Amino acid sequence: MRTEPLMKFNYRKGEDSLLYPELQISENEKTDQMPVGRFGNLWKNFMLENHPHRLSELVAQGKINEMILKVDEEAESRKERLIQELLTAQLMPDTEDTMERAAHMGMITDTAEEIMISELVLQPR
């Protein structure tokens, strides 16, 4: 069990003479302002439900936003690579029917997302 504090805080004295910690979400202000993507949000919810102590630790260390962005970027990159691999394995139908081609691409995209989510997003970090 950990005995040292997760973070060392700087304190400021309030008008009521109490000391208040100066909190910042992370060390990098840019990551604090980045929007959370679909897969980063999925990972955060997975961690909240299955590994809340690890999620709390990341929040306390100020690394939660960086981790969410990292998961989201890795997921998008992996999804694109999987789509290319699946298109190589299951070629686009040689037809003029746009709906058939769109359905094939939709199936490929859905398959790539399912694989990527199970491999990458639904994993504790």
N, C-alpha and C. Protein backbone atom coordinates (compact mmCIF):
# COMPACT_ATOMS: atom_id res chain seq x y z
N MET A 1 0.84 -1.18 0.00
CA MET A 1 0.00 0.00 0.00
C MET A 1 0.88 1.24 0.00
N ARG A 2 0.47 2.23 -0.74
CA ARG A 2 1.23 3.46 -0.91
C ARG A 2 1.13 4.31 0.35
N THR A 3 2.27 4.83 0.81
CA THR A 3 2.26 5.67 2.00
C THR A 3 2.53 7.14 1.69
N GLU A 4 3.22 7.40 0.58
CA GLU A 4 3.50 8.79 0.21
C GLU A 4 2.32 9.34 -0.58
N PRO A 5 2.12 10.65 -0.54
CA PRO A 5 1.00 11.24 -1.30
C PRO A 5 1.23 11.10 -2.80
N LEU A 6 0.13 11.02 -3.56
CA LEU A 6 0.23 10.92 -5.01
C LEU A 6 0.79 12.20 -5.62
N MET A 7 0.44 13.32 -5.02
CA MET A 7 0.89 14.62 -5.53
C MET A 7 1.27 15.52 -4.38
N LYS A 8 2.19 16.43 -4.67
CA LYS A 8 2.52 17.47 -3.70
C LYS A 8 1.81 18.74 -4.15
N PHE A 9 1.04 19.32 -3.27
CA PHE A 9 0.24 20.48 -3.62
C PHE A 9 0.88 21.77 -3.13
N ASN A 10 0.68 22.82 -3.89
CA ASN A 10 0.98 24.17 -3.44
C ASN A 10 -0.32 24.72 -2.90
N TYR A 11 -0.24 25.47 -1.83
CA TYR A 11 -1.44 26.01 -1.20
C TYR A 11 -1.43 27.52 -1.23
N ARG A 12 -2.62 28.09 -1.30
CA ARG A 12 -2.75 29.54 -1.19
C ARG A 12 -3.71 29.82 -0.04
N LYS A 13 -3.48 30.94 0.59
CA LYS A 13 -4.31 31.31 1.73
C LYS A 13 -5.54 32.07 1.22
N GLY A 14 -6.72 31.58 1.60
CA GLY A 14 -7.97 32.20 1.19
C GLY A 14 -8.33 33.38 2.07
N GLU A 15 -9.39 34.09 1.69
CA GLU A 15 -9.86 35.24 2.47
C GLU A 15 -10.31 34.83 3.86
N ASP A 16 -10.70 33.58 4.00
CA ASP A 16 -11.15 33.08 5.30
C ASP A 16 -10.00 32.48 6.12
N SER A 17 -8.77 32.73 5.68
CA SER A 17 -7.54 32.29 6.35
C SER A 17 -7.30 30.78 6.26
N LEU A 18 -8.09 30.07 5.47
CA LEU A 18 -7.86 28.65 5.25
C LEU A 18 -6.93 28.47 4.07
N LEU A 19 -6.20 27.35 4.05
CA LEU A 19 -5.31 27.04 2.94
C LEU A 19 -6.04 26.19 1.91
N TYR A 20 -5.97 26.59 0.64
CA TYR A 20 -6.62 25.88 -0.45
C TYR A 20 -5.56 25.38 -1.42
N PRO A 21 -5.67 24.12 -1.85
CA PRO A 21 -4.68 23.61 -2.82
C PRO A 21 -4.89 24.25 -4.19
N GLU A 22 -3.78 24.52 -4.87
CA GLU A 22 -3.85 25.03 -6.23
C GLU A 22 -3.86 23.82 -7.16
N LEU A 23 -5.01 23.54 -7.73
CA LEU A 23 -5.21 22.35 -8.55
C LEU A 23 -5.16 22.68 -10.03
N GLN A 24 -4.59 21.76 -10.79
CA GLN A 24 -4.58 21.85 -12.24
C GLN A 24 -4.82 20.43 -12.74
N ILE A 25 -5.62 20.27 -13.77
CA ILE A 25 -5.97 18.94 -14.25
C ILE A 25 -4.74 18.19 -14.73
N SER A 26 -3.90 18.82 -15.52
CA SER A 26 -2.68 18.17 -15.98
C SER A 26 -1.59 19.22 -16.16
N GLU A 27 -0.40 18.75 -16.47
CA GLU A 27 0.72 19.67 -16.65
C GLU A 27 0.63 20.42 -17.98
N ASN A 28 -0.07 19.84 -18.93
CA ASN A 28 -0.17 20.43 -20.27
C ASN A 28 -1.57 21.01 -20.45
N GLU A 29 -1.67 22.32 -20.53
CA GLU A 29 -2.98 22.97 -20.66
C GLU A 29 -3.67 22.63 -21.98
N LYS A 30 -2.90 22.34 -23.03
CA LYS A 30 -3.49 21.99 -24.32
C LYS A 30 -4.31 20.71 -24.24
N THR A 31 -3.80 19.71 -23.51
CA THR A 31 -4.55 18.46 -23.39
C THR A 31 -5.82 18.67 -22.57
N ASP A 32 -5.83 19.63 -21.68
CA ASP A 32 -7.03 19.91 -20.88
C ASP A 32 -8.13 20.51 -21.74
N GLN A 33 -7.77 21.13 -22.85
CA GLN A 33 -8.75 21.81 -23.69
C GLN A 33 -9.13 21.01 -24.93
N MET A 34 -8.49 19.86 -25.15
CA MET A 34 -8.79 19.03 -26.32
C MET A 34 -10.12 18.31 -26.11
N PRO A 35 -10.94 18.22 -27.15
CA PRO A 35 -12.21 17.48 -27.01
C PRO A 35 -11.94 15.98 -26.92
N VAL A 36 -12.75 15.31 -26.14
CA VAL A 36 -12.62 13.86 -25.97
C VAL A 36 -13.29 13.18 -27.15
N GLY A 37 -12.57 12.28 -27.79
CA GLY A 37 -13.12 11.55 -28.93
C GLY A 37 -13.97 10.37 -28.48
N ARG A 38 -14.57 9.72 -29.43
CA ARG A 38 -15.48 8.60 -29.15
C ARG A 38 -14.78 7.46 -28.42
N PHE A 39 -13.60 7.06 -28.89
CA PHE A 39 -12.91 5.91 -28.31
C PHE A 39 -12.26 6.26 -26.97
N GLY A 40 -11.81 7.49 -26.82
CA GLY A 40 -11.28 7.94 -25.53
C GLY A 40 -12.38 7.95 -24.47
N ASN A 41 -13.56 8.38 -24.86
CA ASN A 41 -14.70 8.39 -23.95
C ASN A 41 -15.13 6.97 -23.59
N LEU A 42 -15.09 6.08 -24.56
CA LEU A 42 -15.41 4.67 -24.32
C LEU A 42 -14.44 4.07 -23.30
N TRP A 43 -13.14 4.36 -23.48
CA TRP A 43 -12.12 3.86 -22.55
C TRP A 43 -12.33 4.42 -21.15
N LYS A 44 -12.64 5.72 -21.06
CA LYS A 44 -12.86 6.34 -19.76
C LYS A 44 -14.03 5.68 -19.04
N ASN A 45 -15.11 5.42 -19.75
CA ASN A 45 -16.27 4.76 -19.14
C ASN A 45 -15.94 3.33 -18.73
N PHE A 46 -15.16 2.61 -19.56
CA PHE A 46 -14.71 1.26 -19.21
C PHE A 46 -13.90 1.29 -17.92
N MET A 47 -12.97 2.22 -17.83
CA MET A 47 -12.13 2.33 -16.63
C MET A 47 -12.96 2.71 -15.41
N LEU A 48 -13.92 3.59 -15.59
CA LEU A 48 -14.78 4.02 -14.49
C LEU A 48 -15.57 2.85 -13.92
N GLU A 49 -16.06 1.98 -14.79
CA GLU A 49 -16.86 0.84 -14.35
C GLU A 49 -16.01 -0.31 -13.83
N ASN A 50 -14.85 -0.56 -14.42
CA ASN A 50 -14.08 -1.76 -14.10
C ASN A 50 -12.81 -1.52 -13.29
N HIS A 51 -12.23 -0.34 -13.40
CA HIS A 51 -10.97 -0.04 -12.70
C HIS A 51 -11.01 1.37 -12.11
N PRO A 52 -11.96 1.65 -11.23
CA PRO A 52 -12.11 3.02 -10.72
C PRO A 52 -10.90 3.51 -9.93
N HIS A 53 -10.19 2.60 -9.25
CA HIS A 53 -9.03 3.03 -8.47
C HIS A 53 -7.90 3.51 -9.38
N ARG A 54 -7.69 2.81 -10.50
CA ARG A 54 -6.66 3.23 -11.45
C ARG A 54 -7.04 4.56 -12.09
N LEU A 55 -8.33 4.72 -12.40
CA LEU A 55 -8.79 5.98 -12.98
C LEU A 55 -8.57 7.12 -12.00
N SER A 56 -8.88 6.90 -10.73
CA SER A 56 -8.66 7.93 -9.70
C SER A 56 -7.19 8.28 -9.58
N GLU A 57 -6.35 7.27 -9.71
CA GLU A 57 -4.91 7.50 -9.64
C GLU A 57 -4.44 8.39 -10.80
N LEU A 58 -4.95 8.11 -12.00
CA LEU A 58 -4.59 8.94 -13.16
C LEU A 58 -5.08 10.37 -12.99
N VAL A 59 -6.27 10.52 -12.42
CA VAL A 59 -6.81 11.87 -12.17
C VAL A 59 -5.92 12.59 -11.17
N ALA A 60 -5.56 11.91 -10.08
CA ALA A 60 -4.73 12.53 -9.04
C ALA A 60 -3.35 12.91 -9.56
N GLN A 61 -2.82 12.12 -10.48
CA GLN A 61 -1.50 12.41 -11.05
C GLN A 61 -1.57 13.45 -12.16
N GLY A 62 -2.77 13.83 -12.57
CA GLY A 62 -2.93 14.81 -13.64
C GLY A 62 -2.66 14.24 -15.02
N LYS A 63 -2.81 12.93 -15.17
CA LYS A 63 -2.50 12.28 -16.45
C LYS A 63 -3.73 11.75 -17.16
N ILE A 64 -4.91 12.00 -16.63
CA ILE A 64 -6.12 11.42 -17.21
C ILE A 64 -6.38 11.92 -18.62
N ASN A 65 -6.28 13.22 -18.85
CA ASN A 65 -6.56 13.76 -20.18
C ASN A 65 -5.54 13.29 -21.20
N GLU A 66 -4.28 13.21 -20.80
CA GLU A 66 -3.25 12.72 -21.70
C GLU A 66 -3.53 11.28 -22.10
N MET A 67 -3.95 10.46 -21.13
CA MET A 67 -4.23 9.06 -21.39
C MET A 67 -5.44 8.91 -22.31
N ILE A 68 -6.47 9.70 -22.06
CA ILE A 68 -7.68 9.65 -22.91
C ILE A 68 -7.33 10.01 -24.34
N LEU A 69 -6.54 11.07 -24.52
CA LEU A 69 -6.13 11.48 -25.88
C LEU A 69 -5.25 10.41 -26.54
N LYS A 70 -4.38 9.81 -25.77
CA LYS A 70 -3.50 8.77 -26.29
C LYS A 70 -4.32 7.57 -26.76
N VAL A 71 -5.29 7.14 -25.95
CA VAL A 71 -6.14 6.02 -26.33
C VAL A 71 -6.92 6.36 -27.60
N ASP A 72 -7.46 7.57 -27.66
CA ASP A 72 -8.25 7.97 -28.82
C ASP A 72 -7.40 8.00 -30.10
N GLU A 73 -6.20 8.54 -30.01
CA GLU A 73 -5.31 8.61 -31.19
C GLU A 73 -4.89 7.21 -31.63
N GLU A 74 -4.52 6.36 -30.67
CA GLU A 74 -4.12 5.00 -31.00
C GLU A 74 -5.28 4.24 -31.63
N ALA A 75 -6.47 4.44 -31.11
CA ALA A 75 -7.66 3.74 -31.62
C ALA A 75 -7.96 4.16 -33.05
N GLU A 76 -7.93 5.45 -33.33
CA GLU A 76 -8.21 5.92 -34.69
C GLU A 76 -7.16 5.40 -35.67
N SER A 77 -5.91 5.42 -35.26
CA SER A 77 -4.83 4.93 -36.12
C SER A 77 -4.99 3.44 -36.39
N ARG A 78 -5.26 2.68 -35.33
CA ARG A 78 -5.44 1.23 -35.47
C ARG A 78 -6.65 0.91 -36.34
N LYS A 79 -7.72 1.67 -36.19
CA LYS A 79 -8.93 1.46 -36.98
C LYS A 79 -8.64 1.64 -38.47
N GLU A 80 -7.90 2.69 -38.81
CA GLU A 80 -7.57 2.94 -40.22
C GLU A 80 -6.70 1.81 -40.80
N ARG A 81 -5.72 1.34 -40.01
CA ARG A 81 -4.88 0.23 -40.48
C ARG A 81 -5.71 -1.04 -40.67
N LEU A 82 -6.61 -1.31 -39.73
CA LEU A 82 -7.47 -2.49 -39.85
C LEU A 82 -8.38 -2.40 -41.07
N ILE A 83 -8.93 -1.24 -41.35
CA ILE A 83 -9.77 -1.08 -42.52
C ILE A 83 -8.99 -1.40 -43.79
N GLN A 84 -7.75 -0.91 -43.88
CA GLN A 84 -6.93 -1.20 -45.05
C GLN A 84 -6.62 -2.69 -45.17
N GLU A 85 -6.31 -3.33 -44.03
CA GLU A 85 -6.04 -4.77 -44.05
C GLU A 85 -7.27 -5.56 -44.47
N LEU A 86 -8.43 -5.19 -43.94
CA LEU A 86 -9.67 -5.90 -44.28
C LEU A 86 -10.06 -5.68 -45.74
N LEU A 87 -9.82 -4.47 -46.26
CA LEU A 87 -10.11 -4.22 -47.67
C LEU A 87 -9.19 -5.03 -48.59
N THR A 88 -7.98 -5.28 -48.13
CA THR A 88 -7.07 -6.13 -48.90
C THR A 88 -7.56 -7.57 -48.90
N ALA A 89 -8.04 -8.02 -47.75
CA ALA A 89 -8.51 -9.40 -47.62
C ALA A 89 -9.89 -9.60 -48.27
N GLN A 90 -10.76 -8.61 -48.16
CA GLN A 90 -12.11 -8.70 -48.71
C GLN A 90 -12.30 -7.54 -49.69
N LEU A 91 -11.93 -7.77 -50.92
CA LEU A 91 -11.93 -6.71 -51.92
C LEU A 91 -13.32 -6.11 -52.11
N MET A 92 -13.32 -4.84 -52.50
CA MET A 92 -14.56 -4.13 -52.79
C MET A 92 -15.24 -4.82 -53.98
N PRO A 93 -16.56 -5.02 -53.90
CA PRO A 93 -17.25 -5.68 -55.02
C PRO A 93 -17.09 -4.89 -56.32
N ASP A 94 -16.88 -5.61 -57.40
CA ASP A 94 -16.72 -4.98 -58.71
C ASP A 94 -18.10 -4.80 -59.34
N THR A 95 -18.78 -3.76 -58.89
CA THR A 95 -20.14 -3.50 -59.34
C THR A 95 -20.37 -2.00 -59.42
N GLU A 96 -21.36 -1.62 -60.16
CA GLU A 96 -21.73 -0.21 -60.26
C GLU A 96 -22.74 0.19 -59.18
N ASP A 97 -23.24 -0.80 -58.45
CA ASP A 97 -24.25 -0.55 -57.42
C ASP A 97 -23.61 0.16 -56.22
N THR A 98 -23.89 1.44 -56.08
CA THR A 98 -23.32 2.25 -55.00
C THR A 98 -23.74 1.73 -53.62
N MET A 99 -24.97 1.30 -53.51
CA MET A 99 -25.47 0.81 -52.22
C MET A 99 -24.73 -0.45 -51.78
N GLU A 100 -24.44 -1.33 -52.71
CA GLU A 100 -23.70 -2.55 -52.39
C GLU A 100 -22.28 -2.22 -51.95
N ARG A 101 -21.67 -1.27 -52.63
CA ARG A 101 -20.31 -0.86 -52.25
C ARG A 101 -20.31 -0.17 -50.88
N ALA A 102 -21.31 0.66 -50.62
CA ALA A 102 -21.42 1.34 -49.33
C ALA A 102 -21.67 0.33 -48.21
N ALA A 103 -22.50 -0.67 -48.48
CA ALA A 103 -22.78 -1.71 -47.47
C ALA A 103 -21.51 -2.50 -47.16
N HIS A 104 -20.72 -2.80 -48.20
CA HIS A 104 -19.47 -3.53 -48.00
C HIS A 104 -18.51 -2.70 -47.14
N MET A 105 -18.39 -1.42 -47.46
CA MET A 105 -17.50 -0.54 -46.70
C MET A 105 -17.99 -0.40 -45.26
N GLY A 106 -19.30 -0.32 -45.07
CA GLY A 106 -19.86 -0.25 -43.72
C GLY A 106 -19.55 -1.49 -42.91
N MET A 107 -19.66 -2.66 -43.56
CA MET A 107 -19.34 -3.92 -42.88
C MET A 107 -17.86 -3.96 -42.48
N ILE A 108 -17.00 -3.52 -43.38
CA ILE A 108 -15.55 -3.49 -43.11
C ILE A 108 -15.26 -2.54 -41.94
N THR A 109 -15.85 -1.37 -41.95
CA THR A 109 -15.64 -0.39 -40.89
C THR A 109 -16.14 -0.92 -39.54
N ASP A 110 -17.32 -1.51 -39.53
CA ASP A 110 -17.86 -2.07 -38.28
C ASP A 110 -16.97 -3.17 -37.73
N THR A 111 -16.48 -4.04 -38.61
CA THR A 111 -15.59 -5.12 -38.19
C THR A 111 -14.30 -4.56 -37.62
N ALA A 112 -13.73 -3.57 -38.29
CA ALA A 112 -12.48 -2.95 -37.81
C ALA A 112 -12.69 -2.31 -36.44
N GLU A 113 -13.83 -1.64 -36.25
CA GLU A 113 -14.11 -1.01 -34.96
C GLU A 113 -14.27 -2.04 -33.85
N GLU A 114 -14.96 -3.14 -34.13
CA GLU A 114 -15.14 -4.19 -33.12
C GLU A 114 -13.80 -4.77 -32.70
N ILE A 115 -12.95 -5.07 -33.67
CA ILE A 115 -11.63 -5.63 -33.37
C ILE A 115 -10.81 -4.64 -32.56
N MET A 116 -10.77 -3.40 -33.01
CA MET A 116 -9.96 -2.38 -32.35
C MET A 116 -10.45 -2.11 -30.93
N ILE A 117 -11.76 -2.05 -30.73
CA ILE A 117 -12.30 -1.78 -29.39
C ILE A 117 -11.92 -2.89 -28.43
N SER A 118 -12.03 -4.14 -28.86
CA SER A 118 -11.68 -5.24 -27.96
C SER A 118 -10.17 -5.32 -27.70
N GLU A 119 -9.36 -4.99 -28.70
CA GLU A 119 -7.91 -5.06 -28.56
C GLU A 119 -7.32 -3.87 -27.80
N LEU A 120 -7.89 -2.70 -28.00
CA LEU A 120 -7.21 -1.48 -27.56
C LEU A 120 -8.00 -0.70 -26.52
N VAL A 121 -9.27 -0.48 -26.77
CA VAL A 121 -10.04 0.42 -25.92
C VAL A 121 -10.46 -0.24 -24.62
N LEU A 122 -10.91 -1.47 -24.66
CA LEU A 122 -11.38 -2.14 -23.45
C LEU A 122 -10.25 -2.87 -22.74
N GLN A 123 -9.17 -2.13 -22.55
CA GLN A 123 -8.00 -2.64 -21.84
C GLN A 123 -7.56 -1.63 -20.78
N PRO A 124 -7.27 -2.10 -19.57
CA PRO A 124 -6.80 -1.15 -18.54
C PRO A 124 -5.40 -0.67 -18.85
N ARG A 125 -5.12 0.55 -18.49
CA ARG A 125 -3.77 1.12 -18.68
C ARG A 125 -3.31 1.75 -17.38
